[in-house]
Amino acid sequence: RRKGMLDNLKAAGDADFDLAYLHQQLAAHTEALTLHKEYSTAGDNPALKAVAAATVPVVEMHLGQIKDIGGEKLKALGPG
């Protein structure tokens, strides 16, 4: 999966690279947010649950920054 993402970036032209990268970052951070939220509530290791809970606001901030940078063009690409 990650190799495919790299291949997509390599294939993107100069005009499309930034937006393709931002779209991938949006997907990756959305996935990370889901994982951290779920582990923070249902994880089996209290120390890791605490780390996951502390990480949630950081990932949420990064998602907001990605959306701000991408603007309307990023929103037009799809979910996120």
PDB file of N, CA and C in Angstrom:
ATOM      1  N   ARG A   1       0.824  -1.195   0.000  1.00  0.00           N
ATOM      2  CA  ARG A   1       0.000   0.000   0.000  1.00  0.00           C
ATOM      3  C   ARG A   1       0.866   1.257   0.000  1.00  0.00           C
ATOM      4  N   ARG A   2       1.873   1.259   0.842  1.00  0.00           N
ATOM      5  CA  ARG A   2       2.743   2.447   0.917  1.00  0.00           C
ATOM      6  C   ARG A   2       3.531   2.613  -0.378  1.00  0.00           C
ATOM      7  N   LYS A   3       3.958   1.507  -0.969  1.00  0.00           N
ATOM      8  CA  LYS A   3       4.676   1.581  -2.240  1.00  0.00           C
ATOM      9  C   LYS A   3       3.788   2.200  -3.307  1.00  0.00           C
ATOM     10  N   GLY A   4       2.520   1.834  -3.309  1.00  0.00           N
ATOM     11  CA  GLY A   4       1.582   2.419  -4.258  1.00  0.00           C
ATOM     12  C   GLY A   4       1.445   3.919  -4.063  1.00  0.00           C
ATOM     13  N   MET A   5       1.455   4.351  -2.808  1.00  0.00           N
ATOM     14  CA  MET A   5       1.367   5.785  -2.530  1.00  0.00           C
ATOM     15  C   MET A   5       2.599   6.510  -3.071  1.00  0.00           C
ATOM     16  N   LEU A   6       3.770   5.914  -2.864  1.00  0.00           N
ATOM     17  CA  LEU A   6       4.995   6.520  -3.395  1.00  0.00           C
ATOM     18  C   LEU A   6       4.979   6.551  -4.915  1.00  0.00           C
ATOM     19  N   ASP A   7       4.506   5.466  -5.515  1.00  0.00           N
ATOM     20  CA  ASP A   7       4.412   5.429  -6.976  1.00  0.00           C
ATOM     21  C   ASP A   7       3.488   6.527  -7.496  1.00  0.00           C
ATOM     22  N   ASN A   8       2.386   6.765  -6.790  1.00  0.00           N
ATOM     23  CA  ASN A   8       1.457   7.827  -7.194  1.00  0.00           C
ATOM     24  C   ASN A   8       2.130   9.200  -7.132  1.00  0.00           C
ATOM     25  N   LEU A   9       2.923   9.415  -6.102  1.00  0.00           N
ATOM     26  CA  LEU A   9       3.626  10.693  -5.988  1.00  0.00           C
ATOM     27  C   LEU A   9       4.673  10.849  -7.084  1.00  0.00           C
ATOM     28  N   LYS A  10       5.380   9.765  -7.370  1.00  0.00           N
ATOM     29  CA  LYS A  10       6.399   9.819  -8.428  1.00  0.00           C
ATOM     30  C   LYS A  10       5.764  10.097  -9.785  1.00  0.00           C
ATOM     31  N   ALA A  11       4.561   9.593  -9.988  1.00  0.00           N
ATOM     32  CA  ALA A  11       3.880   9.759 -11.275  1.00  0.00           C
ATOM     33  C   ALA A  11       3.203  11.125 -11.410  1.00  0.00           C
ATOM     34  N   ALA A  12       2.994  11.801 -10.296  1.00  0.00           N
ATOM     35  CA  ALA A  12       2.319  13.102 -10.339  1.00  0.00           C
ATOM     36  C   ALA A  12       3.219  14.126 -11.012  1.00  0.00           C
ATOM     37  N   GLY A  13       2.636  14.916 -11.867  1.00  0.00           N
ATOM     38  CA  GLY A  13       3.385  15.993 -12.501  1.00  0.00           C
ATOM     39  C   GLY A  13       3.637  17.115 -11.509  1.00  0.00           C
ATOM     40  N   ASP A  14       4.470  18.038 -11.913  1.00  0.00           N
ATOM     41  CA  ASP A  14       4.805  19.160 -11.037  1.00  0.00           C
ATOM     42  C   ASP A  14       3.565  19.907 -10.555  1.00  0.00           C
ATOM     43  N   ALA A  15       2.608  20.066 -11.429  1.00  0.00           N
ATOM     44  CA  ALA A  15       1.408  20.829 -11.086  1.00  0.00           C
ATOM     45  C   ALA A  15       0.510  20.076 -10.107  1.00  0.00           C
ATOM     46  N   ASP A  16       0.614  18.743 -10.077  1.00  0.00           N
ATOM     47  CA  ASP A  16      -0.287  17.938  -9.250  1.00  0.00           C
ATOM     48  C   ASP A  16       0.362  17.377  -7.997  1.00  0.00           C
ATOM     49  N   PHE A  17       1.677  17.490  -7.875  1.00  0.00           N
ATOM     50  CA  PHE A  17       2.379  16.826  -6.773  1.00  0.00           C
ATOM     51  C   PHE A  17       1.904  17.304  -5.406  1.00  0.00           C
ATOM     52  N   ASP A  18       1.865  18.602  -5.190  1.00  0.00           N
ATOM     53  CA  ASP A  18       1.504  19.122  -3.868  1.00  0.00           C
ATOM     54  C   ASP A  18       0.132  18.636  -3.426  1.00  0.00           C
ATOM     55  N   LEU A  19      -0.818  18.689  -4.330  1.00  0.00           N
ATOM     56  CA  LEU A  19      -2.173  18.277  -3.991  1.00  0.00           C
ATOM     57  C   LEU A  19      -2.243  16.766  -3.748  1.00  0.00           C
ATOM     58  N   ALA A  20      -1.520  15.988  -4.534  1.00  0.00           N
ATOM     59  CA  ALA A  20      -1.491  14.538  -4.316  1.00  0.00           C
ATOM     60  C   ALA A  20      -0.876  14.218  -2.954  1.00  0.00           C
ATOM     61  N   TYR A  21       0.187  14.925  -2.608  1.00  0.00           N
ATOM     62  CA  TYR A  21       0.834  14.720  -1.309  1.00  0.00           C
ATOM     63  C   TYR A  21      -0.116  15.081  -0.171  1.00  0.00           C
ATOM     64  N   LEU A  22      -0.775  16.212  -0.291  1.00  0.00           N
ATOM     65  CA  LEU A  22      -1.715  16.624   0.757  1.00  0.00           C
ATOM     66  C   LEU A  22      -2.865  15.628   0.899  1.00  0.00           C
ATOM     67  N   HIS A  23      -3.343  15.113  -0.203  1.00  0.00           N
ATOM     68  CA  HIS A  23      -4.430  14.133  -0.149  1.00  0.00           C
ATOM     69  C   HIS A  23      -3.966  12.882   0.590  1.00  0.00           C
ATOM     70  N   GLN A  24      -2.746  12.440   0.328  1.00  0.00           N
ATOM     71  CA  GLN A  24      -2.217  11.278   1.029  1.00  0.00           C
ATOM     72  C   GLN A  24      -2.032  11.569   2.517  1.00  0.00           C
ATOM     73  N   GLN A  25      -1.594  12.761   2.839  1.00  0.00           N
ATOM     74  CA  GLN A  25      -1.434  13.130   4.241  1.00  0.00           C
ATOM     75  C   GLN A  25      -2.791  13.184   4.953  1.00  0.00           C
ATOM     76  N   LEU A  26      -3.790  13.660   4.249  1.00  0.00           N
ATOM     77  CA  LEU A  26      -5.136  13.699   4.811  1.00  0.00           C
ATOM     78  C   LEU A  26      -5.606  12.281   5.142  1.00  0.00           C
ATOM     79  N   ALA A  27      -5.427  11.359   4.222  1.00  0.00           N
ATOM     80  CA  ALA A  27      -5.834   9.974   4.436  1.00  0.00           C
ATOM     81  C   ALA A  27      -5.039   9.341   5.583  1.00  0.00           C
ATOM     82  N   ALA A  28      -3.743   9.559   5.612  1.00  0.00           N
ATOM     83  CA  ALA A  28      -2.898   8.963   6.650  1.00  0.00           C
ATOM     84  C   ALA A  28      -3.236   9.508   8.035  1.00  0.00           C
ATOM     85  N   HIS A  29      -3.458  10.811   8.130  1.00  0.00           N
ATOM     86  CA  HIS A  29      -3.785  11.400   9.428  1.00  0.00           C
ATOM     87  C   HIS A  29      -5.185  11.007   9.883  1.00  0.00           C
ATOM     88  N   THR A  30      -6.110  10.852   8.953  1.00  0.00           N
ATOM     89  CA  THR A  30      -7.453  10.398   9.308  1.00  0.00           C
ATOM     90  C   THR A  30      -7.373   8.980   9.880  1.00  0.00           C
ATOM     91  N   GLU A  31      -6.586   8.137   9.244  1.00  0.00           N
ATOM     92  CA  GLU A  31      -6.394   6.767   9.738  1.00  0.00           C
ATOM     93  C   GLU A  31      -5.731   6.782  11.120  1.00  0.00           C
ATOM     94  N   ALA A  32      -4.701   7.601  11.287  1.00  0.00           N
ATOM     95  CA  ALA A  32      -4.007   7.688  12.574  1.00  0.00           C
ATOM     96  C   ALA A  32      -4.949   8.180  13.670  1.00  0.00           C
ATOM     97  N   LEU A  33      -5.790   9.137  13.337  1.00  0.00           N
ATOM     98  CA  LEU A  33      -6.736   9.655  14.325  1.00  0.00           C
ATOM     99  C   LEU A  33      -7.697   8.563  14.782  1.00  0.00           C
ATOM    100  N   THR A  34      -8.216   7.798  13.846  1.00  0.00           N
ATOM    101  CA  THR A  34      -9.124   6.706  14.192  1.00  0.00           C
ATOM    102  C   THR A  34      -8.431   5.691  15.096  1.00  0.00           C
ATOM    103  N   LEU A  35      -7.228   5.307  14.740  1.00  0.00           N
ATOM    104  CA  LEU A  35      -6.485   4.326  15.545  1.00  0.00           C
ATOM    105  C   LEU A  35      -6.225   4.834  16.962  1.00  0.00           C
ATOM    106  N   HIS A  36      -5.789   6.074  17.088  1.00  0.00           N
ATOM    107  CA  HIS A  36      -5.493   6.622  18.417  1.00  0.00           C
ATOM    108  C   HIS A  36      -6.754   6.793  19.255  1.00  0.00           C
ATOM    109  N   LYS A  37      -7.827   7.255  18.631  1.00  0.00           N
ATOM    110  CA  LYS A  37      -9.079   7.400  19.375  1.00  0.00           C
ATOM    111  C   LYS A  37      -9.565   6.045  19.889  1.00  0.00           C
ATOM    112  N   GLU A  38      -9.536   5.045  19.019  1.00  0.00           N
ATOM    113  CA  GLU A  38     -10.009   3.723  19.418  1.00  0.00           C
ATOM    114  C   GLU A  38      -9.141   3.137  20.522  1.00  0.00           C
ATOM    115  N   TYR A  39      -7.831   3.246  20.393  1.00  0.00           N
ATOM    116  CA  TYR A  39      -6.966   2.672  21.422  1.00  0.00           C
ATOM    117  C   TYR A  39      -7.094   3.434  22.728  1.00  0.00           C
ATOM    118  N   SER A  40      -7.297   4.729  22.665  1.00  0.00           N
ATOM    119  CA  SER A  40      -7.402   5.515  23.898  1.00  0.00           C
ATOM    120  C   SER A  40      -8.618   5.120  24.731  1.00  0.00           C
ATOM    121  N   THR A  41      -9.614   4.529  24.092  1.00  0.00           N
ATOM    122  CA  THR A  41     -10.803   4.102  24.841  1.00  0.00           C
ATOM    123  C   THR A  41     -10.873   2.596  25.064  1.00  0.00           C
ATOM    124  N   ALA A  42     -10.305   1.814  24.156  1.00  0.00           N
ATOM    125  CA  ALA A  42     -10.475   0.360  24.247  1.00  0.00           C
ATOM    126  C   ALA A  42      -9.157  -0.402  24.343  1.00  0.00           C
ATOM    127  N   GLY A  43      -8.052   0.297  24.457  1.00  0.00           N
ATOM    128  CA  GLY A  43      -6.759  -0.376  24.512  1.00  0.00           C
ATOM    129  C   GLY A  43      -6.582  -1.181  25.792  1.00  0.00           C
ATOM    130  N   ASP A  44      -5.628  -2.117  25.765  1.00  0.00           N
ATOM    131  CA  ASP A  44      -5.426  -2.996  26.914  1.00  0.00           C
ATOM    132  C   ASP A  44      -4.219  -2.614  27.774  1.00  0.00           C
ATOM    133  N   ASN A  45      -3.484  -1.579  27.373  1.00  0.00           N
ATOM    134  CA  ASN A  45      -2.314  -1.143  28.125  1.00  0.00           C
ATOM    135  C   ASN A  45      -2.550   0.297  28.594  1.00  0.00           C
ATOM    136  N   PRO A  46      -2.678   0.493  29.912  1.00  0.00           N
ATOM    137  CA  PRO A  46      -2.991   1.844  30.422  1.00  0.00           C
ATOM    138  C   PRO A  46      -1.996   2.925  29.996  1.00  0.00           C
ATOM    139  N   ALA A  47      -0.722   2.595  29.970  1.00  0.00           N
ATOM    140  CA  ALA A  47       0.276   3.602  29.571  1.00  0.00           C
ATOM    141  C   ALA A  47       0.106   3.976  28.104  1.00  0.00           C
ATOM    142  N   LEU A  48      -0.129   2.975  27.252  1.00  0.00           N
ATOM    143  CA  LEU A  48      -0.333   3.260  25.832  1.00  0.00           C
ATOM    144  C   LEU A  48      -1.655   3.970  25.586  1.00  0.00           C
ATOM    145  N   LYS A  49      -2.665   3.653  26.391  1.00  0.00           N
ATOM    146  CA  LYS A  49      -3.945   4.364  26.267  1.00  0.00           C
ATOM    147  C   LYS A  49      -3.742   5.849  26.537  1.00  0.00           C
ATOM    148  N   ALA A  50      -2.930   6.156  27.543  1.00  0.00           N
ATOM    149  CA  ALA A  50      -2.666   7.560  27.887  1.00  0.00           C
ATOM    150  C   ALA A  50      -1.917   8.266  26.757  1.00  0.00           C
ATOM    151  N   VAL A  51      -0.953   7.588  26.171  1.00  0.00           N
ATOM    152  CA  VAL A  51      -0.211   8.172  25.047  1.00  0.00           C
ATOM    153  C   VAL A  51      -1.151   8.402  23.866  1.00  0.00           C
ATOM    154  N   ALA A  52      -1.980   7.421  23.578  1.00  0.00           N
ATOM    155  CA  ALA A  52      -2.930   7.554  22.469  1.00  0.00           C
ATOM    156  C   ALA A  52      -3.872   8.729  22.710  1.00  0.00           C
ATOM    157  N   ALA A  53      -4.367   8.857  23.936  1.00  0.00           N
ATOM    158  CA  ALA A  53      -5.280   9.964  24.255  1.00  0.00           C
ATOM    159  C   ALA A  53      -4.583  11.312  24.114  1.00  0.00           C
ATOM    160  N   ALA A  54      -3.335  11.387  24.523  1.00  0.00           N
ATOM    161  CA  ALA A  54      -2.578  12.641  24.410  1.00  0.00           C
ATOM    162  C   ALA A  54      -2.245  12.970  22.959  1.00  0.00           C
ATOM    163  N   THR A  55      -2.188  11.961  22.114  1.00  0.00           N
ATOM    164  CA  THR A  55      -1.841  12.159  20.712  1.00  0.00           C
ATOM    165  C   THR A  55      -3.031  12.632  19.881  1.00  0.00           C
ATOM    166  N   VAL A  56      -4.237  12.311  20.308  1.00  0.00           N
ATOM    167  CA  VAL A  56      -5.434  12.667  19.546  1.00  0.00           C
ATOM    168  C   VAL A  56      -5.488  14.156  19.200  1.00  0.00           C
ATOM    169  N   PRO A  57      -5.316  15.076  20.157  1.00  0.00           N
ATOM    170  CA  PRO A  57      -5.406  16.498  19.781  1.00  0.00           C
ATOM    171  C   PRO A  57      -4.301  16.944  18.816  1.00  0.00           C
ATOM    172  N   VAL A  58      -3.148  16.319  18.891  1.00  0.00           N
ATOM    173  CA  VAL A  58      -2.052  16.667  17.980  1.00  0.00           C
ATOM    174  C   VAL A  58      -2.427  16.267  16.555  1.00  0.00           C
ATOM    175  N   VAL A  59      -2.945  15.049  16.404  1.00  0.00           N
ATOM    176  CA  VAL A  59      -3.340  14.583  15.074  1.00  0.00           C
ATOM    177  C   VAL A  59      -4.505  15.420  14.552  1.00  0.00           C
ATOM    178  N   GLU A  60      -5.437  15.786  15.424  1.00  0.00           N
ATOM    179  CA  GLU A  60      -6.552  16.649  15.002  1.00  0.00           C
ATOM    180  C   GLU A  60      -6.038  18.001  14.511  1.00  0.00           C
ATOM    181  N   MET A  61      -5.033  18.542  15.198  1.00  0.00           N
ATOM    182  CA  MET A  61      -4.452  19.818  14.775  1.00  0.00           C
ATOM    183  C   MET A  61      -3.805  19.660  13.398  1.00  0.00           C
ATOM    184  N   HIS A  62      -3.070  18.571  13.213  1.00  0.00           N
ATOM    185  CA  HIS A  62      -2.427  18.337  11.915  1.00  0.00           C
ATOM    186  C   HIS A  62      -3.460  18.193  10.800  1.00  0.00           C
ATOM    187  N   LEU A  63      -4.553  17.507  11.078  1.00  0.00           N
ATOM    188  CA  LEU A  63      -5.623  17.382  10.081  1.00  0.00           C
ATOM    189  C   LEU A  63      -6.159  18.753   9.690  1.00  0.00           C
ATOM    190  N   GLY A  64      -6.366  19.591  10.668  1.00  0.00           N
ATOM    191  CA  GLY A  64      -6.840  20.942  10.386  1.00  0.00           C
ATOM    192  C   GLY A  64      -5.863  21.719   9.527  1.00  0.00           C
ATOM    193  N   GLN A  65      -4.571  21.561   9.809  1.00  0.00           N
ATOM    194  CA  GLN A  65      -3.558  22.258   9.024  1.00  0.00           C
ATOM    195  C   GLN A  65      -3.527  21.749   7.587  1.00  0.00           C
ATOM    196  N   ILE A  66      -3.650  20.439   7.419  1.00  0.00           N
ATOM    197  CA  ILE A  66      -3.671  19.869   6.070  1.00  0.00           C
ATOM    198  C   ILE A  66      -4.854  20.428   5.293  1.00  0.00           C
ATOM    199  N   LYS A  67      -6.016  20.475   5.924  1.00  0.00           N
ATOM    200  CA  LYS A  67      -7.212  20.995   5.254  1.00  0.00           C
ATOM    201  C   LYS A  67      -7.060  22.474   4.922  1.00  0.00           C
ATOM    202  N   ASP A  68      -6.450  23.229   5.827  1.00  0.00           N
ATOM    203  CA  ASP A  68      -6.227  24.660   5.566  1.00  0.00           C
ATOM    204  C   ASP A  68      -5.284  24.868   4.381  1.00  0.00           C
ATOM    205  N   ILE A  69      -4.228  24.099   4.336  1.00  0.00           N
ATOM    206  CA  ILE A  69      -3.255  24.227   3.254  1.00  0.00           C
ATOM    207  C   ILE A  69      -3.873  23.836   1.920  1.00  0.00           C
ATOM    208  N   GLY A  70      -4.633  22.742   1.922  1.00  0.00           N
ATOM    209  CA  GLY A  70      -5.226  22.236   0.684  1.00  0.00           C
ATOM    210  C   GLY A  70      -6.409  23.032   0.193  1.00  0.00           C
ATOM    211  N   GLY A  71      -7.109  23.668   1.092  1.00  0.00           N
ATOM    212  CA  GLY A  71      -8.252  24.489   0.719  1.00  0.00           C
ATOM    213  C   GLY A  71      -9.307  23.745  -0.084  1.00  0.00           C
ATOM    214  N   GLU A  72      -9.945  24.461  -0.958  1.00  0.00           N
ATOM    215  CA  GLU A  72     -11.044  23.914  -1.756  1.00  0.00           C
ATOM    216  C   GLU A  72     -10.589  22.811  -2.705  1.00  0.00           C
ATOM    217  N   LYS A  73      -9.369  22.910  -3.217  1.00  0.00           N
ATOM    218  CA  LYS A  73      -8.878  21.872  -4.130  1.00  0.00           C
ATOM    219  C   LYS A  73      -8.796  20.524  -3.430  1.00  0.00           C
ATOM    220  N   LEU A  74      -8.338  20.520  -2.188  1.00  0.00           N
ATOM    221  CA  LEU A  74      -8.236  19.277  -1.440  1.00  0.00           C
ATOM    222  C   LEU A  74      -9.622  18.711  -1.161  1.00  0.00           C
ATOM    223  N   LYS A  75     -10.544  19.558  -0.782  1.00  0.00           N
ATOM    224  CA  LYS A  75     -11.908  19.108  -0.511  1.00  0.00           C
ATOM    225  C   LYS A  75     -12.550  18.497  -1.738  1.00  0.00           C
ATOM    226  N   ALA A  76     -12.218  19.010  -2.907  1.00  0.00           N
ATOM    227  CA  ALA A  76     -12.807  18.510  -4.146  1.00  0.00           C
ATOM    228  C   ALA A  76     -12.302  17.112  -4.509  1.00  0.00           C
ATOM    229  N   LEU A  77     -11.165  16.707  -3.940  1.00  0.00           N
ATOM    230  CA  LEU A  77     -10.608  15.394  -4.260  1.00  0.00           C
ATOM    231  C   LEU A  77     -11.376  14.247  -3.604  1.00  0.00           C
ATOM    232  N   GLY A  78     -12.083  14.522  -2.551  1.00  0.00           N
ATOM    233  CA  GLY A  78     -12.832  13.423  -1.954  1.00  0.00           C
ATOM    234  C   GLY A  78     -12.897  13.512  -0.448  1.00  0.00           C
ATOM    235  N   PRO A  79     -13.095  12.365   0.217  1.00  0.00           N
ATOM    236  CA  PRO A  79     -13.346  12.314   1.658  1.00  0.00           C
ATOM    237  C   PRO A  79     -12.223  12.939   2.465  1.00  0.00           C
ATOM    238  N   GLY A  80     -12.606  13.381   3.642  1.00  0.00           N
ATOM    239  CA  GLY A  80     -11.620  13.944   4.532  1.00  0.00           C
ATOM    240  C   GLY A  80     -12.106  15.240   5.019  1.00  0.00           C
TER     241      GLY A  80
END
